[in-house]
Amino acid sequence: MGENVRYDGGNNHIYHDRLKELDIVLCCPEVDGGLFTPRIPSEITRDKVLNQEGKDNTDYFKKGANIALSLVREYDIKVAIMKAKSPSCGNEMIYDGTFSKTLIKGKGVTVALLEKEGVKVFNEYQLEEAFACIFAR
């Protein structure tokens, strides 16, 4: 949404007219979980989230996911739009843990937790599907 929370210190600003019609709750699970911006990139490797230097960041990712879950519960959120391919927020594909830019089917740590709670998760390339779900309610 334009906040500089990417691992490289940048942002993934998305724009769509219909976003103005929504009450939006912003969060970045990685930053909320205690990681800094910028930070060394992380990827999911089996059951852990490791950064490119091999440091285990799993606890930060789990903490951030739980903070996102608390926001979902507090605001009764049913639909989330998250960042594609992210180890926190990817909803279909994530990087394979080799830092080779290879994508595999999978879900980020936060998405997996939110979907267990019944939240429908979309990414920035699925805005029309997300809006159809939101405005059909």
N, C-alpha and C. Protein backbone atom coordinates (compact mmCIF):
# COMPACT_ATOMS: atom_id res chain seq x y z
N MET A 1 0.83 -1.21 0.00
CA MET A 1 0.00 0.00 0.00
C MET A 1 0.86 1.26 0.00
N GLY A 2 2.16 1.11 -0.20
CA GLY A 2 3.03 2.26 -0.29
C GLY A 2 3.92 2.47 0.93
N GLU A 3 3.74 1.66 1.97
CA GLU A 3 4.62 1.75 3.13
C GLU A 3 5.94 1.07 2.80
N ASN A 4 7.05 1.64 3.21
CA ASN A 4 8.36 1.08 2.92
C ASN A 4 8.71 -0.03 3.91
N VAL A 5 8.13 -1.20 3.69
CA VAL A 5 8.34 -2.34 4.59
C VAL A 5 8.94 -3.56 3.88
N ARG A 6 9.23 -3.45 2.58
CA ARG A 6 9.87 -4.56 1.87
C ARG A 6 11.23 -4.86 2.48
N TYR A 7 11.70 -6.07 2.26
CA TYR A 7 13.01 -6.46 2.79
C TYR A 7 14.11 -5.51 2.31
N ASP A 8 13.95 -4.94 1.11
CA ASP A 8 14.99 -4.07 0.56
C ASP A 8 14.76 -2.60 0.89
N GLY A 9 13.78 -2.32 1.73
CA GLY A 9 13.48 -0.96 2.15
C GLY A 9 12.48 -0.24 1.26
N GLY A 10 12.06 -0.88 0.18
CA GLY A 10 11.10 -0.29 -0.73
C GLY A 10 9.67 -0.64 -0.35
N ASN A 11 8.76 -0.42 -1.31
CA ASN A 11 7.35 -0.75 -1.06
C ASN A 11 6.74 -1.37 -2.30
N ASN A 12 5.56 -1.87 -2.14
CA ASN A 12 4.80 -2.50 -3.23
C ASN A 12 3.47 -1.76 -3.39
N HIS A 13 3.55 -0.48 -3.68
CA HIS A 13 2.35 0.32 -3.78
C HIS A 13 1.41 -0.25 -4.84
N ILE A 14 0.18 -0.47 -4.43
CA ILE A 14 -0.85 -0.87 -5.39
C ILE A 14 -1.93 0.21 -5.39
N TYR A 15 -2.55 0.37 -6.53
CA TYR A 15 -3.60 1.37 -6.63
C TYR A 15 -4.76 0.77 -7.40
N HIS A 16 -5.93 1.01 -6.87
CA HIS A 16 -7.17 0.64 -7.55
C HIS A 16 -8.25 1.54 -6.97
N ASP A 17 -9.09 2.11 -7.83
CA ASP A 17 -10.15 3.02 -7.36
C ASP A 17 -11.00 2.41 -6.26
N ARG A 18 -11.27 1.11 -6.36
CA ARG A 18 -12.18 0.49 -5.40
C ARG A 18 -11.57 0.40 -4.00
N LEU A 19 -10.26 0.51 -3.89
CA LEU A 19 -9.64 0.49 -2.56
C LEU A 19 -10.15 1.64 -1.70
N LYS A 20 -10.52 2.76 -2.33
CA LYS A 20 -11.04 3.92 -1.60
C LYS A 20 -12.37 3.61 -0.91
N GLU A 21 -13.07 2.58 -1.38
CA GLU A 21 -14.37 2.23 -0.83
C GLU A 21 -14.27 1.35 0.42
N LEU A 22 -13.07 0.95 0.77
CA LEU A 22 -12.87 -0.02 1.84
C LEU A 22 -12.30 0.60 3.10
N ASP A 23 -12.64 0.02 4.23
CA ASP A 23 -11.95 0.31 5.48
C ASP A 23 -10.77 -0.65 5.52
N ILE A 24 -9.57 -0.12 5.43
CA ILE A 24 -8.38 -0.95 5.30
C ILE A 24 -7.60 -0.95 6.61
N VAL A 25 -7.21 -2.15 7.02
CA VAL A 25 -6.33 -2.32 8.17
C VAL A 25 -4.98 -2.75 7.62
N LEU A 26 -3.97 -1.91 7.79
CA LEU A 26 -2.64 -2.22 7.26
C LEU A 26 -1.81 -2.98 8.29
N CYS A 27 -1.04 -3.93 7.79
CA CYS A 27 -0.07 -4.60 8.65
C CYS A 27 1.02 -5.21 7.78
N CYS A 28 2.20 -5.31 8.33
CA CYS A 28 3.29 -6.06 7.71
C CYS A 28 3.73 -7.06 8.77
N PRO A 29 3.38 -8.32 8.60
CA PRO A 29 3.73 -9.31 9.63
C PRO A 29 5.22 -9.40 9.92
N GLU A 30 6.05 -9.19 8.92
CA GLU A 30 7.50 -9.30 9.16
C GLU A 30 7.99 -8.17 10.05
N VAL A 31 7.58 -6.95 9.75
CA VAL A 31 7.96 -5.81 10.59
C VAL A 31 7.27 -5.91 11.95
N ASP A 32 5.98 -6.22 11.95
CA ASP A 32 5.25 -6.35 13.21
C ASP A 32 5.84 -7.44 14.10
N GLY A 33 6.42 -8.45 13.47
CA GLY A 33 7.04 -9.54 14.22
C GLY A 33 8.41 -9.21 14.78
N GLY A 34 8.97 -8.06 14.38
CA GLY A 34 10.24 -7.63 14.95
C GLY A 34 11.40 -7.50 13.98
N LEU A 35 11.18 -7.75 12.69
CA LEU A 35 12.26 -7.60 11.72
C LEU A 35 12.35 -6.15 11.25
N PHE A 36 13.53 -5.74 10.90
CA PHE A 36 13.78 -4.37 10.48
C PHE A 36 13.62 -4.21 8.97
N THR A 37 13.52 -2.96 8.56
CA THR A 37 13.52 -2.62 7.14
C THR A 37 14.65 -1.63 6.93
N PRO A 38 15.56 -1.87 6.01
CA PRO A 38 15.67 -3.09 5.20
C PRO A 38 16.19 -4.26 6.03
N ARG A 39 16.08 -5.46 5.46
CA ARG A 39 16.51 -6.69 6.15
C ARG A 39 17.02 -7.68 5.10
N ILE A 40 17.74 -8.65 5.56
CA ILE A 40 18.22 -9.71 4.68
C ILE A 40 17.01 -10.54 4.26
N PRO A 41 16.85 -10.85 2.97
CA PRO A 41 15.68 -11.62 2.53
C PRO A 41 15.60 -12.98 3.22
N SER A 42 14.36 -13.41 3.43
CA SER A 42 14.09 -14.72 4.04
C SER A 42 13.22 -15.54 3.10
N GLU A 43 13.36 -16.86 3.21
CA GLU A 43 12.50 -17.79 2.47
C GLU A 43 12.17 -18.97 3.37
N ILE A 44 11.08 -19.63 3.06
CA ILE A 44 10.66 -20.81 3.82
C ILE A 44 11.44 -22.02 3.32
N THR A 45 12.03 -22.73 4.27
CA THR A 45 12.75 -23.97 3.99
C THR A 45 12.16 -25.04 4.91
N ARG A 46 11.41 -25.94 4.32
CA ARG A 46 10.68 -26.97 5.07
C ARG A 46 9.81 -26.30 6.15
N ASP A 47 10.15 -26.46 7.42
CA ASP A 47 9.31 -25.92 8.50
C ASP A 47 9.93 -24.71 9.17
N LYS A 48 10.93 -24.10 8.53
CA LYS A 48 11.59 -22.92 9.10
C LYS A 48 11.62 -21.79 8.08
N VAL A 49 11.80 -20.59 8.59
CA VAL A 49 12.01 -19.43 7.74
C VAL A 49 13.44 -18.95 8.00
N LEU A 50 14.29 -19.10 7.01
CA LEU A 50 15.70 -18.74 7.14
C LEU A 50 16.01 -17.54 6.27
N ASN A 51 16.90 -16.68 6.77
CA ASN A 51 17.32 -15.59 5.90
C ASN A 51 18.46 -16.07 5.02
N GLN A 52 18.87 -15.24 4.09
CA GLN A 52 19.85 -15.64 3.09
C GLN A 52 21.21 -15.97 3.71
N GLU A 53 21.43 -15.53 4.95
CA GLU A 53 22.68 -15.86 5.65
C GLU A 53 22.53 -17.10 6.52
N GLY A 54 21.34 -17.71 6.52
CA GLY A 54 21.11 -18.93 7.28
C GLY A 54 20.54 -18.71 8.67
N LYS A 55 20.28 -17.47 9.05
CA LYS A 55 19.70 -17.20 10.38
C LYS A 55 18.23 -17.62 10.40
N ASP A 56 17.84 -18.28 11.45
CA ASP A 56 16.46 -18.74 11.62
C ASP A 56 15.59 -17.57 12.08
N ASN A 57 14.68 -17.14 11.22
CA ASN A 57 13.75 -16.05 11.54
C ASN A 57 12.34 -16.54 11.80
N THR A 58 12.18 -17.84 11.99
CA THR A 58 10.85 -18.43 12.15
C THR A 58 10.04 -17.75 13.24
N ASP A 59 10.65 -17.49 14.38
CA ASP A 59 9.91 -16.89 15.50
C ASP A 59 9.37 -15.51 15.15
N TYR A 60 10.14 -14.71 14.40
CA TYR A 60 9.66 -13.40 13.97
C TYR A 60 8.43 -13.54 13.06
N PHE A 61 8.50 -14.51 12.16
CA PHE A 61 7.40 -14.71 11.23
C PHE A 61 6.15 -15.22 11.96
N LYS A 62 6.33 -16.10 12.93
CA LYS A 62 5.18 -16.59 13.70
C LYS A 62 4.58 -15.49 14.56
N LYS A 63 5.44 -14.67 15.17
CA LYS A 63 4.94 -13.55 15.99
C LYS A 63 4.14 -12.59 15.12
N GLY A 64 4.66 -12.24 13.95
CA GLY A 64 3.94 -11.35 13.04
C GLY A 64 2.63 -11.94 12.56
N ALA A 65 2.62 -13.24 12.29
CA ALA A 65 1.38 -13.91 11.88
C ALA A 65 0.33 -13.84 12.99
N ASN A 66 0.76 -14.02 14.21
CA ASN A 66 -0.18 -13.95 15.33
C ASN A 66 -0.70 -12.53 15.55
N ILE A 67 0.12 -11.53 15.31
CA ILE A 67 -0.35 -10.14 15.39
C ILE A 67 -1.39 -9.90 14.31
N ALA A 68 -1.13 -10.38 13.09
CA ALA A 68 -2.12 -10.24 12.01
C ALA A 68 -3.42 -10.95 12.38
N LEU A 69 -3.30 -12.13 12.97
CA LEU A 69 -4.50 -12.87 13.40
C LEU A 69 -5.28 -12.08 14.44
N SER A 70 -4.59 -11.42 15.35
CA SER A 70 -5.30 -10.63 16.36
C SER A 70 -6.04 -9.46 15.70
N LEU A 71 -5.47 -8.87 14.65
CA LEU A 71 -6.17 -7.81 13.92
C LEU A 71 -7.40 -8.35 13.19
N VAL A 72 -7.27 -9.53 12.61
CA VAL A 72 -8.39 -10.18 11.95
C VAL A 72 -9.55 -10.37 12.93
N ARG A 73 -9.22 -10.81 14.10
CA ARG A 73 -10.26 -11.04 15.12
C ARG A 73 -10.83 -9.73 15.64
N GLU A 74 -9.96 -8.76 15.91
CA GLU A 74 -10.40 -7.47 16.45
C GLU A 74 -11.33 -6.74 15.49
N TYR A 75 -11.01 -6.77 14.20
CA TYR A 75 -11.79 -6.02 13.21
C TYR A 75 -12.75 -6.89 12.40
N ASP A 76 -12.87 -8.17 12.78
CA ASP A 76 -13.76 -9.11 12.10
C ASP A 76 -13.50 -9.13 10.59
N ILE A 77 -12.25 -9.29 10.23
CA ILE A 77 -11.82 -9.29 8.83
C ILE A 77 -12.10 -10.65 8.21
N LYS A 78 -12.74 -10.62 7.06
CA LYS A 78 -13.08 -11.85 6.35
C LYS A 78 -12.28 -12.03 5.07
N VAL A 79 -11.73 -10.92 4.54
CA VAL A 79 -10.98 -10.95 3.28
C VAL A 79 -9.69 -10.15 3.49
N ALA A 80 -8.59 -10.71 3.01
CA ALA A 80 -7.30 -10.02 3.11
C ALA A 80 -6.65 -9.97 1.73
N ILE A 81 -6.01 -8.85 1.45
CA ILE A 81 -5.20 -8.71 0.24
C ILE A 81 -3.76 -8.61 0.70
N MET A 82 -2.96 -9.57 0.30
CA MET A 82 -1.60 -9.69 0.80
C MET A 82 -0.61 -9.70 -0.36
N LYS A 83 0.68 -9.71 -0.05
CA LYS A 83 1.75 -9.61 -1.04
C LYS A 83 2.08 -10.98 -1.63
N ALA A 84 1.94 -11.11 -2.92
CA ALA A 84 2.27 -12.37 -3.60
C ALA A 84 3.73 -12.74 -3.37
N LYS A 85 3.96 -14.04 -3.26
CA LYS A 85 5.29 -14.66 -3.22
C LYS A 85 6.07 -14.43 -1.93
N SER A 86 5.51 -13.70 -1.01
CA SER A 86 6.19 -13.38 0.25
C SER A 86 6.20 -14.59 1.18
N PRO A 87 7.27 -14.76 1.97
CA PRO A 87 7.28 -15.87 2.94
C PRO A 87 6.28 -15.66 4.07
N SER A 88 5.76 -14.46 4.22
CA SER A 88 4.68 -14.20 5.17
C SER A 88 3.33 -14.23 4.49
N CYS A 89 3.24 -13.56 3.36
CA CYS A 89 1.95 -13.20 2.78
C CYS A 89 1.61 -13.89 1.46
N GLY A 90 2.49 -14.69 0.91
CA GLY A 90 2.19 -15.38 -0.33
C GLY A 90 1.01 -16.31 -0.16
N ASN A 91 0.06 -16.24 -1.09
CA ASN A 91 -1.14 -17.07 -0.94
C ASN A 91 -1.23 -18.22 -1.93
N GLU A 92 -0.34 -18.26 -2.91
CA GLU A 92 -0.37 -19.34 -3.89
C GLU A 92 1.03 -19.91 -4.14
N MET A 93 1.96 -19.01 -4.35
CA MET A 93 3.33 -19.39 -4.67
C MET A 93 4.28 -18.68 -3.70
N ILE A 94 5.34 -19.37 -3.33
CA ILE A 94 6.39 -18.77 -2.50
C ILE A 94 7.74 -19.22 -3.07
N TYR A 95 8.79 -18.54 -2.68
CA TYR A 95 10.12 -18.95 -3.12
C TYR A 95 10.52 -20.22 -2.39
N ASP A 96 11.30 -21.05 -3.05
CA ASP A 96 11.56 -22.42 -2.59
C ASP A 96 12.60 -22.58 -1.48
N GLY A 97 13.19 -21.50 -1.00
CA GLY A 97 14.15 -21.60 0.08
C GLY A 97 15.60 -21.68 -0.37
N THR A 98 15.83 -21.64 -1.68
CA THR A 98 17.20 -21.72 -2.20
C THR A 98 17.75 -20.35 -2.60
N PHE A 99 16.92 -19.31 -2.51
CA PHE A 99 17.30 -17.95 -2.89
C PHE A 99 17.75 -17.88 -4.35
N SER A 100 17.13 -18.71 -5.18
CA SER A 100 17.43 -18.75 -6.61
C SER A 100 16.28 -18.16 -7.44
N LYS A 101 15.32 -17.54 -6.77
CA LYS A 101 14.13 -16.96 -7.40
C LYS A 101 13.22 -18.03 -7.99
N THR A 102 13.34 -19.27 -7.51
CA THR A 102 12.49 -20.37 -7.95
C THR A 102 11.22 -20.39 -7.11
N LEU A 103 10.08 -20.36 -7.78
CA LEU A 103 8.79 -20.38 -7.09
C LEU A 103 8.24 -21.79 -7.03
N ILE A 104 7.55 -22.07 -5.93
CA ILE A 104 6.85 -23.34 -5.74
C ILE A 104 5.46 -23.04 -5.19
N LYS A 105 4.56 -23.99 -5.33
CA LYS A 105 3.25 -23.84 -4.70
C LYS A 105 3.46 -23.82 -3.20
N GLY A 106 2.79 -22.89 -2.55
CA GLY A 106 2.91 -22.82 -1.10
C GLY A 106 2.28 -21.55 -0.57
N LYS A 107 2.23 -21.48 0.74
CA LYS A 107 1.63 -20.35 1.43
C LYS A 107 2.61 -19.79 2.43
N GLY A 108 2.57 -18.46 2.59
CA GLY A 108 3.36 -17.81 3.61
C GLY A 108 2.84 -18.13 5.00
N VAL A 109 3.65 -17.86 5.98
CA VAL A 109 3.32 -18.18 7.38
C VAL A 109 2.03 -17.50 7.81
N THR A 110 1.87 -16.22 7.51
CA THR A 110 0.67 -15.49 7.92
C THR A 110 -0.55 -15.98 7.17
N VAL A 111 -0.42 -16.18 5.87
CA VAL A 111 -1.56 -16.65 5.08
C VAL A 111 -2.07 -17.99 5.60
N ALA A 112 -1.16 -18.90 5.88
CA ALA A 112 -1.58 -20.22 6.39
C ALA A 112 -2.39 -20.07 7.67
N LEU A 113 -1.96 -19.18 8.56
CA LEU A 113 -2.69 -18.97 9.82
C LEU A 113 -4.04 -18.30 9.59
N LEU A 114 -4.08 -17.28 8.74
CA LEU A 114 -5.34 -16.58 8.48
C LEU A 114 -6.36 -17.47 7.79
N GLU A 115 -5.89 -18.29 6.86
CA GLU A 115 -6.82 -19.20 6.19
C GLU A 115 -7.41 -20.22 7.15
N LYS A 116 -6.64 -20.66 8.13
CA LYS A 116 -7.18 -21.56 9.17
C LYS A 116 -8.31 -20.88 9.94
N GLU A 117 -8.23 -19.56 10.05
CA GLU A 117 -9.24 -18.77 10.74
C GLU A 117 -10.45 -18.51 9.85
N GLY A 118 -10.37 -18.89 8.58
CA GLY A 118 -11.48 -18.71 7.65
C GLY A 118 -11.39 -17.46 6.79
N VAL A 119 -10.28 -16.75 6.86
CA VAL A 119 -10.10 -15.55 6.04
C VAL A 119 -9.81 -15.97 4.60
N LYS A 120 -10.45 -15.31 3.66
CA LYS A 120 -10.16 -15.53 2.24
C LYS A 120 -9.03 -14.58 1.87
N VAL A 121 -7.93 -15.14 1.37
CA VAL A 121 -6.74 -14.35 1.08
C VAL A 121 -6.51 -14.26 -0.42
N PHE A 122 -6.26 -13.03 -0.86
CA PHE A 122 -5.95 -12.74 -2.25
C PHE A 122 -4.63 -11.99 -2.28
N ASN A 123 -4.01 -11.92 -3.46
CA ASN A 123 -2.80 -11.13 -3.59
C ASN A 123 -3.07 -9.94 -4.51
N GLU A 124 -2.07 -9.10 -4.70
CA GLU A 124 -2.26 -7.86 -5.46
C GLU A 124 -2.59 -8.09 -6.93
N TYR A 125 -2.41 -9.32 -7.42
CA TYR A 125 -2.76 -9.64 -8.80
C TYR A 125 -4.19 -10.18 -8.89
N GLN A 126 -4.84 -10.32 -7.76
CA GLN A 126 -6.19 -10.88 -7.69
C GLN A 126 -7.20 -9.87 -7.15
N LEU A 127 -6.97 -8.60 -7.40
CA LEU A 127 -7.83 -7.56 -6.83
C LEU A 127 -9.28 -7.71 -7.26
N GLU A 128 -9.51 -8.00 -8.53
CA GLU A 128 -10.90 -8.12 -9.00
C GLU A 128 -11.62 -9.26 -8.28
N GLU A 129 -10.93 -10.38 -8.08
CA GLU A 129 -11.52 -11.49 -7.33
C GLU A 129 -11.79 -11.09 -5.88
N ALA A 130 -10.85 -10.36 -5.30
CA ALA A 130 -11.02 -9.92 -3.91
C ALA A 130 -12.23 -8.99 -3.80
N PHE A 131 -12.34 -8.03 -4.73
CA PHE A 131 -13.46 -7.10 -4.69
C PHE A 131 -14.78 -7.83 -4.88
N ALA A 132 -14.82 -8.80 -5.76
CA ALA A 132 -16.05 -9.58 -5.97
C ALA A 132 -16.46 -10.25 -4.67
N CYS A 133 -15.49 -10.77 -3.93
CA CYS A 133 -15.77 -11.43 -2.66
C CYS A 133 -16.23 -10.41 -1.61
N ILE A 134 -15.55 -9.28 -1.55
CA ILE A 134 -15.87 -8.25 -0.55
C ILE A 134 -17.22 -7.64 -0.80
N PHE A 135 -17.48 -7.24 -2.02
CA PHE A 135 -18.71 -6.50 -2.32
C PHE A 135 -19.92 -7.41 -2.52
N ALA A 136 -19.71 -8.73 -2.52
CA ALA A 136 -20.83 -9.66 -2.61
C ALA A 136 -21.47 -9.87 -1.25
N ARG A 137 -20.82 -9.42 -0.21
CA ARG A 137 -21.29 -9.64 1.17
C ARG A 137 -22.48 -8.79 1.48
